């Protein structure tokens, strides 16, 4: 899907002067807020931003001071998988 945003020209110039692509900046802001509000999952953020790996997503989120949505249940599940693979 294509979404069109209309931004005031001074904001576009400001972002461009900072070396930012306004379209990418808007897309990243959508991904950040979507993940922060738990509207988007990590995999959805990865696909949205065309990252190759989960590590890319983790680095992106860390760069925006966002903690991973990683629950105790996730930890126990990962631990169980790890311990199960040792056998």
C-alpha atoms as a PDB file:
ATOM      1  CA  UNK A   1       0.000   0.000   0.000  1.00  0.00           C
ATOM      2  CA  UNK A   2       1.169   3.480  -0.736  1.00  0.00           C
ATOM      3  CA  UNK A   3       0.401   6.274   1.706  1.00  0.00           C
ATOM      4  CA  UNK A   4       0.919   9.891   0.745  1.00  0.00           C
ATOM      5  CA  UNK A   5       1.812  12.505   3.344  1.00  0.00           C
ATOM      6  CA  UNK A   6       1.822  16.228   2.778  1.00  0.00           C
ATOM      7  CA  UNK A   7       4.457  18.043   4.802  1.00  0.00           C
ATOM      8  CA  UNK A   8       5.060  21.764   4.992  1.00  0.00           C
ATOM      9  CA  UNK A   9       7.966  22.718   2.759  1.00  0.00           C
ATOM     10  CA  UNK A  10       9.977  24.245   5.630  1.00  0.00           C
ATOM     11  CA  UNK A  11       9.891  20.910   7.480  1.00  0.00           C
ATOM     12  CA  UNK A  12      11.029  19.060   4.357  1.00  0.00           C
ATOM     13  CA  UNK A  13      13.911  21.526   3.957  1.00  0.00           C
ATOM     14  CA  UNK A  14      14.799  21.181   7.647  1.00  0.00           C
ATOM     15  CA  UNK A  15      14.910  17.376   7.477  1.00  0.00           C
ATOM     16  CA  UNK A  16      16.878  17.482   4.229  1.00  0.00           C
ATOM     17  CA  UNK A  17      19.374  19.914   5.787  1.00  0.00           C
ATOM     18  CA  UNK A  18      19.914  17.351   8.546  1.00  0.00           C
ATOM     19  CA  UNK A  19      20.675  14.754   5.876  1.00  0.00           C
ATOM     20  CA  UNK A  20      17.407  12.907   6.436  1.00  0.00           C
ATOM     21  CA  UNK A  21      15.004  11.567   3.849  1.00  0.00           C
ATOM     22  CA  UNK A  22      11.579  12.878   4.911  1.00  0.00           C
ATOM     23  CA  UNK A  23       9.782   9.773   3.611  1.00  0.00           C
ATOM     24  CA  UNK A  24      12.112   7.427   5.493  1.00  0.00           C
ATOM     25  CA  UNK A  25      11.884   9.589   8.620  1.00  0.00           C
ATOM     26  CA  UNK A  26       8.078   9.344   8.549  1.00  0.00           C
ATOM     27  CA  UNK A  27       8.186   5.581   7.961  1.00  0.00           C
ATOM     28  CA  UNK A  28      10.617   5.067  10.826  1.00  0.00           C
ATOM     29  CA  UNK A  29       8.486   7.223  13.129  1.00  0.00           C
ATOM     30  CA  UNK A  30       5.474   5.062  12.277  1.00  0.00           C
ATOM     31  CA  UNK A  31       7.475   1.913  13.006  1.00  0.00           C
ATOM     32  CA  UNK A  32       8.815   3.306  16.300  1.00  0.00           C
ATOM     33  CA  UNK A  33       5.401   4.332  17.575  1.00  0.00           C
ATOM     34  CA  UNK A  34       3.789   1.126  16.325  1.00  0.00           C
ATOM     35  CA  UNK A  35       6.312  -0.994  18.202  1.00  0.00           C
ATOM     36  CA  UNK A  36       6.269   1.199  21.306  1.00  0.00           C
ATOM     37  CA  UNK A  37       2.455   0.980  21.515  1.00  0.00           C
ATOM     38  CA  UNK A  38       2.573  -2.761  20.739  1.00  0.00           C
ATOM     39  CA  UNK A  39       0.486  -2.199  17.612  1.00  0.00           C
ATOM     40  CA  UNK A  40       3.326  -3.645  15.517  1.00  0.00           C
ATOM     41  CA  UNK A  41       5.377  -6.736  16.278  1.00  0.00           C
ATOM     42  CA  UNK A  42       9.129  -6.951  15.783  1.00  0.00           C
ATOM     43  CA  UNK A  43       8.698  -8.931  12.552  1.00  0.00           C
ATOM     44  CA  UNK A  44       6.323  -6.312  11.179  1.00  0.00           C
ATOM     45  CA  UNK A  45       8.849  -3.572  11.933  1.00  0.00           C
ATOM     46  CA  UNK A  46      11.537  -5.644  10.194  1.00  0.00           C
ATOM     47  CA  UNK A  47       9.414  -5.970   7.073  1.00  0.00           C
ATOM     48  CA  UNK A  48       8.250  -2.332   7.157  1.00  0.00           C
ATOM     49  CA  UNK A  49      11.780  -1.012   7.243  1.00  0.00           C
ATOM     50  CA  UNK A  50      13.150  -3.709   4.927  1.00  0.00           C
ATOM     51  CA  UNK A  51      15.704  -4.956   7.450  1.00  0.00           C
ATOM     52  CA  UNK A  52      17.365  -8.302   6.778  1.00  0.00           C
ATOM     53  CA  UNK A  53      17.576  -9.577  10.344  1.00  0.00           C
ATOM     54  CA  UNK A  54      16.078  -9.269  13.807  1.00  0.00           C
ATOM     55  CA  UNK A  55      19.438  -7.876  14.901  1.00  0.00           C
ATOM     56  CA  UNK A  56      18.896  -4.958  12.514  1.00  0.00           C
ATOM     57  CA  UNK A  57      15.544  -4.292  14.184  1.00  0.00           C
ATOM     58  CA  UNK A  58      17.085  -4.540  17.643  1.00  0.00           C
ATOM     59  CA  UNK A  59      19.808  -2.036  16.689  1.00  0.00           C
ATOM     60  CA  UNK A  60      17.219   0.322  15.190  1.00  0.00           C
ATOM     61  CA  UNK A  61      15.048   0.159  18.314  1.00  0.00           C
ATOM     62  CA  UNK A  62      18.064   0.614  20.591  1.00  0.00           C
ATOM     63  CA  UNK A  63      19.010   3.689  18.564  1.00  0.00           C
ATOM     64  CA  UNK A  64      15.578   5.098  19.404  1.00  0.00           C
ATOM     65  CA  UNK A  65      15.871   4.168  23.115  1.00  0.00           C
ATOM     66  CA  UNK A  66      13.130   1.552  22.865  1.00  0.00           C
ATOM     67  CA  UNK A  67      13.267  -1.626  24.906  1.00  0.00           C
ATOM     68  CA  UNK A  68      12.294  -4.899  23.291  1.00  0.00           C
ATOM     69  CA  UNK A  69       8.815  -6.210  24.022  1.00  0.00           C
ATOM     70  CA  UNK A  70      10.186  -9.314  25.706  1.00  0.00           C
ATOM     71  CA  UNK A  71       8.042 -10.822  28.420  1.00  0.00           C
ATOM     72  CA  UNK A  72       8.843 -13.325  31.125  1.00  0.00           C
ATOM     73  CA  UNK A  73       6.865 -15.867  29.093  1.00  0.00           C
ATOM     74  CA  UNK A  74       9.101 -15.150  26.080  1.00  0.00           C
ATOM     75  CA  UNK A  75      12.173 -15.682  28.248  1.00  0.00           C
ATOM     76  CA  UNK A  76      10.866 -18.984  29.619  1.00  0.00           C
ATOM     77  CA  UNK A  77       9.977 -20.139  26.107  1.00  0.00           C
ATOM     78  CA  UNK A  78      13.453 -19.258  24.808  1.00  0.00           C
ATOM     79  CA  UNK A  79      15.078 -20.899  27.826  1.00  0.00           C
ATOM     80  CA  UNK A  80      13.072 -24.060  27.290  1.00  0.00           C
ATOM     81  CA  UNK A  81      14.077 -24.172  23.621  1.00  0.00           C
ATOM     82  CA  UNK A  82      17.716 -23.633  24.565  1.00  0.00           C
ATOM     83  CA  UNK A  83      17.718 -26.331  27.222  1.00  0.00           C
ATOM     84  CA  UNK A  84      15.805 -28.695  24.957  1.00  0.00           C
ATOM     85  CA  UNK A  85      18.434 -28.390  22.219  1.00  0.00           C
ATOM     86  CA  UNK A  86      21.233 -29.526  24.531  1.00  0.00           C
ATOM     87  CA  UNK A  87      19.951 -33.073  24.817  1.00  0.00           C
END
